[in-house]
N, C-alpha and C. Protein backbone atom coordinates (compact mmCIF):
# COMPACT_ATOMS: atom_id res chain seq x y z
N GLN A 1 39.84 25.34 61.99
CA GLN A 1 40.68 25.28 60.80
C GLN A 1 40.31 26.39 59.82
N ILE A 2 39.02 26.69 59.73
CA ILE A 2 38.52 27.74 58.85
C ILE A 2 37.67 28.69 59.67
N LEU A 3 37.87 29.99 59.47
CA LEU A 3 37.07 30.99 60.16
C LEU A 3 36.59 32.01 59.15
N GLU A 4 35.27 32.02 58.91
CA GLU A 4 34.67 32.99 58.01
C GLU A 4 34.13 34.17 58.81
N SER A 5 34.17 35.35 58.23
CA SER A 5 33.66 36.54 58.90
C SER A 5 33.24 37.58 57.86
N GLY A 6 32.55 38.62 58.34
CA GLY A 6 32.19 39.72 57.48
C GLY A 6 30.74 39.77 57.07
N GLY A 7 29.98 38.75 57.44
CA GLY A 7 28.57 38.75 57.08
C GLY A 7 27.79 39.75 57.90
N GLY A 8 26.50 39.86 57.57
CA GLY A 8 25.65 40.78 58.30
C GLY A 8 24.35 41.01 57.57
N LEU A 9 23.61 42.00 58.04
CA LEU A 9 22.34 42.39 57.45
C LEU A 9 22.57 43.63 56.60
N VAL A 10 22.13 43.58 55.36
CA VAL A 10 22.33 44.70 54.44
C VAL A 10 21.10 44.84 53.55
N GLN A 11 20.84 46.04 53.13
CA GLN A 11 19.71 46.26 52.23
C GLN A 11 20.09 45.86 50.81
N ALA A 12 19.10 45.51 50.03
CA ALA A 12 19.33 45.19 48.62
C ALA A 12 20.05 46.36 47.94
N GLY A 13 21.04 46.01 47.14
CA GLY A 13 21.86 47.02 46.48
C GLY A 13 23.12 47.36 47.23
N GLY A 14 23.20 46.90 48.47
CA GLY A 14 24.36 47.18 49.29
C GLY A 14 25.53 46.25 49.02
N SER A 15 26.58 46.40 49.84
CA SER A 15 27.81 45.63 49.66
C SER A 15 28.28 45.05 50.99
N LEU A 16 28.98 43.95 50.88
CA LEU A 16 29.66 43.34 52.02
C LEU A 16 30.96 42.74 51.52
N ARG A 17 31.93 42.63 52.42
CA ARG A 17 33.18 41.96 52.09
C ARG A 17 33.41 40.84 53.10
N LEU A 18 33.43 39.63 52.61
CA LEU A 18 33.64 38.46 53.46
C LEU A 18 35.12 38.10 53.48
N SER A 19 35.55 37.58 54.63
CA SER A 19 36.92 37.10 54.78
C SER A 19 36.89 35.66 55.30
N CYS A 20 37.87 34.90 54.92
CA CYS A 20 38.01 33.53 55.39
C CYS A 20 39.48 33.28 55.69
N THR A 21 39.77 33.02 56.94
CA THR A 21 41.14 32.73 57.34
C THR A 21 41.27 31.23 57.59
N VAL A 22 42.29 30.65 57.00
CA VAL A 22 42.52 29.22 57.09
C VAL A 22 43.78 28.97 57.90
N ALA A 23 43.69 28.03 58.83
CA ALA A 23 44.83 27.73 59.69
C ALA A 23 45.80 26.76 59.01
N ARG A 24 45.98 26.97 57.72
CA ARG A 24 46.94 26.19 56.94
C ARG A 24 47.43 27.09 55.81
N GLU A 25 48.52 26.67 55.18
CA GLU A 25 49.06 27.45 54.07
C GLU A 25 48.21 27.20 52.83
N ILE A 26 47.42 28.22 52.46
CA ILE A 26 46.49 27.99 51.36
C ILE A 26 47.20 27.94 50.01
N ASN A 27 48.48 28.35 49.96
CA ASN A 27 49.16 28.23 48.68
C ASN A 27 49.38 26.76 48.29
N ARG A 28 49.11 25.85 49.25
CA ARG A 28 49.19 24.42 48.95
C ARG A 28 47.98 23.96 48.14
N PHE A 29 46.94 24.78 48.15
CA PHE A 29 45.70 24.40 47.49
C PHE A 29 45.53 25.21 46.21
N LYS A 30 45.48 24.51 45.10
CA LYS A 30 45.43 25.19 43.81
C LYS A 30 44.22 26.13 43.72
N ARG A 31 43.07 25.64 44.10
CA ARG A 31 41.85 26.45 43.99
C ARG A 31 41.17 26.54 45.35
N MET A 32 40.79 27.76 45.70
CA MET A 32 40.01 28.04 46.89
C MET A 32 38.68 28.63 46.45
N ALA A 33 37.65 28.39 47.26
CA ALA A 33 36.31 28.77 46.81
C ALA A 33 35.44 29.28 47.94
N TRP A 34 34.46 30.06 47.55
CA TRP A 34 33.34 30.43 48.43
C TRP A 34 32.12 29.61 48.00
N TYR A 35 31.44 29.09 48.98
CA TYR A 35 30.19 28.37 48.78
C TYR A 35 29.11 29.09 49.60
N ARG A 36 27.87 28.76 49.32
CA ARG A 36 26.79 29.28 50.15
C ARG A 36 25.65 28.28 50.22
N ARG A 37 24.92 28.37 51.32
CA ARG A 37 23.73 27.54 51.50
C ARG A 37 22.58 28.45 51.89
N ALA A 38 21.63 28.56 51.00
CA ALA A 38 20.43 29.35 51.26
C ALA A 38 19.42 28.48 51.99
N PRO A 39 18.48 29.10 52.70
CA PRO A 39 17.47 28.34 53.43
C PRO A 39 16.74 27.36 52.53
N GLY A 40 16.71 26.10 52.94
CA GLY A 40 15.98 25.09 52.19
C GLY A 40 16.67 24.61 50.93
N LYS A 41 17.91 25.03 50.71
CA LYS A 41 18.62 24.63 49.50
C LYS A 41 19.94 23.96 49.84
N GLN A 42 20.50 23.28 48.85
CA GLN A 42 21.80 22.65 49.05
C GLN A 42 22.91 23.68 48.93
N ARG A 43 24.04 23.35 49.49
CA ARG A 43 25.20 24.22 49.39
C ARG A 43 25.63 24.29 47.92
N GLU A 44 25.97 25.49 47.45
CA GLU A 44 26.38 25.68 46.06
C GLU A 44 27.68 26.46 46.00
N LEU A 45 28.42 26.24 44.92
CA LEU A 45 29.65 26.98 44.68
C LEU A 45 29.32 28.38 44.17
N VAL A 46 29.88 29.37 44.81
CA VAL A 46 29.66 30.77 44.40
C VAL A 46 30.75 31.23 43.45
N ALA A 47 31.99 30.98 43.85
CA ALA A 47 33.14 31.42 43.05
C ALA A 47 34.38 30.70 43.54
N ASP A 48 35.33 30.50 42.64
CA ASP A 48 36.62 29.98 43.08
C ASP A 48 37.76 30.69 42.36
N VAL A 49 38.94 30.56 42.96
CA VAL A 49 40.11 31.29 42.44
C VAL A 49 41.34 30.42 42.55
N ASP A 50 42.17 30.49 41.51
CA ASP A 50 43.39 29.72 41.43
C ASP A 50 44.53 30.49 42.10
N ASN A 51 45.65 29.82 42.28
CA ASN A 51 46.82 30.49 42.85
C ASN A 51 47.32 31.63 41.96
N ASP A 52 47.01 31.55 40.65
CA ASP A 52 47.42 32.64 39.75
C ASP A 52 46.34 33.71 39.62
N GLU A 53 45.36 33.64 40.53
CA GLU A 53 44.27 34.62 40.63
C GLU A 53 43.22 34.50 39.52
N SER A 54 43.31 33.49 38.68
CA SER A 54 42.23 33.30 37.72
C SER A 54 41.00 32.79 38.47
N ALA A 55 39.85 33.36 38.16
CA ALA A 55 38.64 33.10 38.93
C ALA A 55 37.49 32.66 38.05
N ASN A 56 36.58 31.90 38.66
CA ASN A 56 35.34 31.49 38.02
C ASN A 56 34.19 31.88 38.94
N TYR A 57 33.06 32.24 38.33
CA TYR A 57 31.90 32.68 39.10
C TYR A 57 30.65 31.95 38.66
N GLY A 58 29.75 31.73 39.63
CA GLY A 58 28.45 31.22 39.27
C GLY A 58 27.69 32.28 38.48
N ASP A 59 26.79 31.82 37.63
CA ASP A 59 26.06 32.75 36.77
C ASP A 59 25.30 33.81 37.57
N SER A 60 24.80 33.42 38.73
CA SER A 60 23.96 34.34 39.50
C SER A 60 24.75 35.48 40.14
N VAL A 61 26.08 35.36 40.21
CA VAL A 61 26.87 36.40 40.89
C VAL A 61 27.86 37.09 39.95
N LYS A 62 27.94 36.64 38.72
CA LYS A 62 28.88 37.25 37.76
C LYS A 62 28.62 38.74 37.63
N GLY A 63 29.71 39.51 37.67
CA GLY A 63 29.61 40.95 37.52
C GLY A 63 29.28 41.68 38.82
N ARG A 64 28.94 40.92 39.87
CA ARG A 64 28.60 41.55 41.15
C ARG A 64 29.59 41.17 42.25
N PHE A 65 30.10 39.96 42.23
CA PHE A 65 31.01 39.46 43.26
C PHE A 65 32.43 39.35 42.69
N THR A 66 33.40 39.56 43.58
CA THR A 66 34.81 39.40 43.20
C THR A 66 35.51 38.58 44.28
N ILE A 67 36.13 37.49 43.86
CA ILE A 67 36.86 36.64 44.78
C ILE A 67 38.35 36.94 44.66
N SER A 68 39.05 36.89 45.78
CA SER A 68 40.51 37.09 45.75
C SER A 68 41.12 36.31 46.90
N ARG A 69 42.42 36.13 46.82
CA ARG A 69 43.12 35.39 47.85
C ARG A 69 44.43 36.08 48.19
N ASP A 70 44.82 35.99 49.46
CA ASP A 70 46.10 36.51 49.92
C ASP A 70 46.84 35.33 50.56
N ASN A 71 47.68 34.69 49.78
CA ASN A 71 48.35 33.48 50.28
C ASN A 71 49.27 33.80 51.47
N ALA A 72 49.83 34.98 51.51
CA ALA A 72 50.73 35.34 52.62
C ALA A 72 49.97 35.40 53.94
N ARG A 73 48.69 35.75 53.86
CA ARG A 73 47.84 35.83 55.07
C ARG A 73 46.93 34.61 55.21
N ASN A 74 47.05 33.66 54.29
CA ASN A 74 46.18 32.46 54.32
C ASN A 74 44.71 32.86 54.40
N THR A 75 44.35 33.86 53.61
CA THR A 75 43.01 34.43 53.68
C THR A 75 42.40 34.53 52.29
N LEU A 76 41.12 34.23 52.26
CA LEU A 76 40.30 34.31 51.05
C LEU A 76 39.27 35.41 51.27
N TYR A 77 38.98 36.18 50.21
CA TYR A 77 38.01 37.27 50.31
C TYR A 77 36.90 37.11 49.29
N LEU A 78 35.76 37.71 49.60
CA LEU A 78 34.67 37.79 48.63
C LEU A 78 34.04 39.18 48.76
N GLN A 79 34.27 40.00 47.77
CA GLN A 79 33.63 41.31 47.72
C GLN A 79 32.29 41.15 47.01
N MET A 80 31.23 41.51 47.71
CA MET A 80 29.88 41.34 47.18
C MET A 80 29.24 42.70 47.01
N ASN A 81 28.93 43.06 45.79
CA ASN A 81 28.27 44.33 45.48
C ASN A 81 26.89 44.07 44.89
N SER A 82 26.08 45.10 44.86
CA SER A 82 24.73 45.01 44.27
C SER A 82 24.00 43.79 44.79
N LEU A 83 24.01 43.63 46.10
CA LEU A 83 23.41 42.44 46.70
C LEU A 83 21.92 42.38 46.46
N LYS A 84 21.43 41.15 46.30
CA LYS A 84 20.02 40.89 46.06
C LYS A 84 19.48 40.03 47.20
N THR A 85 18.17 40.04 47.35
CA THR A 85 17.58 39.23 48.43
C THR A 85 17.91 37.75 48.25
N GLU A 86 18.05 37.33 47.00
CA GLU A 86 18.36 35.91 46.76
C GLU A 86 19.80 35.55 47.11
N ASP A 87 20.62 36.51 47.49
CA ASP A 87 21.96 36.23 47.97
C ASP A 87 21.98 35.85 49.45
N THR A 88 20.82 35.95 50.10
CA THR A 88 20.73 35.58 51.51
C THR A 88 21.10 34.11 51.69
N ALA A 89 22.09 33.86 52.55
CA ALA A 89 22.60 32.50 52.74
C ALA A 89 23.69 32.54 53.80
N VAL A 90 24.10 31.34 54.21
CA VAL A 90 25.32 31.22 55.00
C VAL A 90 26.45 30.94 54.02
N TYR A 91 27.52 31.71 54.13
CA TYR A 91 28.65 31.61 53.21
C TYR A 91 29.82 30.89 53.89
N TYR A 92 30.42 29.98 53.13
CA TYR A 92 31.52 29.18 53.62
C TYR A 92 32.68 29.24 52.63
N CYS A 93 33.87 28.96 53.11
CA CYS A 93 34.98 28.80 52.18
C CYS A 93 35.57 27.40 52.33
N ASN A 94 36.20 26.93 51.28
CA ASN A 94 36.85 25.63 51.27
C ASN A 94 37.63 25.52 49.97
N THR A 95 38.21 24.38 49.74
CA THR A 95 38.91 24.15 48.47
C THR A 95 37.89 23.78 47.40
N SER A 96 38.33 23.81 46.17
CA SER A 96 37.48 23.36 45.07
C SER A 96 38.36 22.65 44.05
N PRO A 97 37.84 21.82 43.17
CA PRO A 97 36.42 21.48 43.06
C PRO A 97 35.91 20.58 44.17
N ASN A 98 36.79 19.95 44.91
CA ASN A 98 36.36 19.14 46.05
C ASN A 98 36.71 19.86 47.35
N ALA A 99 35.76 19.92 48.23
CA ALA A 99 35.95 20.57 49.53
C ALA A 99 36.61 19.58 50.47
N ILE A 100 37.93 19.74 50.63
CA ILE A 100 38.67 18.74 51.40
C ILE A 100 38.98 19.17 52.83
N LEU A 101 38.73 20.42 53.15
CA LEU A 101 38.98 20.90 54.51
C LEU A 101 37.72 20.73 55.36
N SER A 102 37.89 20.70 56.66
CA SER A 102 36.72 20.67 57.54
C SER A 102 35.98 21.99 57.41
N TRP A 103 34.68 21.92 57.29
CA TRP A 103 33.87 23.13 57.11
C TRP A 103 33.91 23.99 58.37
N GLY A 104 33.97 25.30 58.16
CA GLY A 104 33.83 26.23 59.26
C GLY A 104 32.37 26.46 59.60
N GLN A 105 32.13 27.42 60.48
CA GLN A 105 30.76 27.73 60.89
C GLN A 105 30.03 28.56 59.83
N GLY A 106 30.80 29.17 58.96
CA GLY A 106 30.19 30.03 57.96
C GLY A 106 29.87 31.41 58.53
N THR A 107 29.47 32.31 57.63
CA THR A 107 29.06 33.65 58.04
C THR A 107 27.73 33.97 57.36
N GLN A 108 26.77 34.44 58.16
CA GLN A 108 25.42 34.67 57.65
C GLN A 108 25.35 36.00 56.90
N VAL A 109 24.82 35.96 55.71
CA VAL A 109 24.52 37.16 54.94
C VAL A 109 23.01 37.23 54.74
N THR A 110 22.43 38.33 55.17
CA THR A 110 21.00 38.53 55.01
C THR A 110 20.78 39.83 54.26
N VAL A 111 20.07 39.74 53.14
CA VAL A 111 19.80 40.91 52.31
C VAL A 111 18.31 41.20 52.38
N SER A 112 17.98 42.37 52.85
CA SER A 112 16.58 42.76 52.99
C SER A 112 16.14 43.59 51.79
N SER A 113 14.86 43.51 51.49
CA SER A 113 14.33 44.25 50.33
C SER A 113 13.96 45.67 50.69
């Protein structure tokens, strides 16, 4: 139902662009979000975006990450710049504020120092 991609290994300060394709019409969902789970930590909300493209970001990623959505392609994006080692995590997408879709496998992002 959900397929995340675009993760990888990158040095600190680098960039990655994540994509999430949903096998449903995402325009049905008012808010879509990126979440992440770092090793040993609970899954947290990274950013979410409304159908009108208004977005909210977690404090730790403000000014570095940009979330966007393409309803015609049923795809959610996360542009990640100035990556830090603490951004290392598995990244997932789902709806927000409640994650009502079945979780995908996620995409691993590893940031090396």
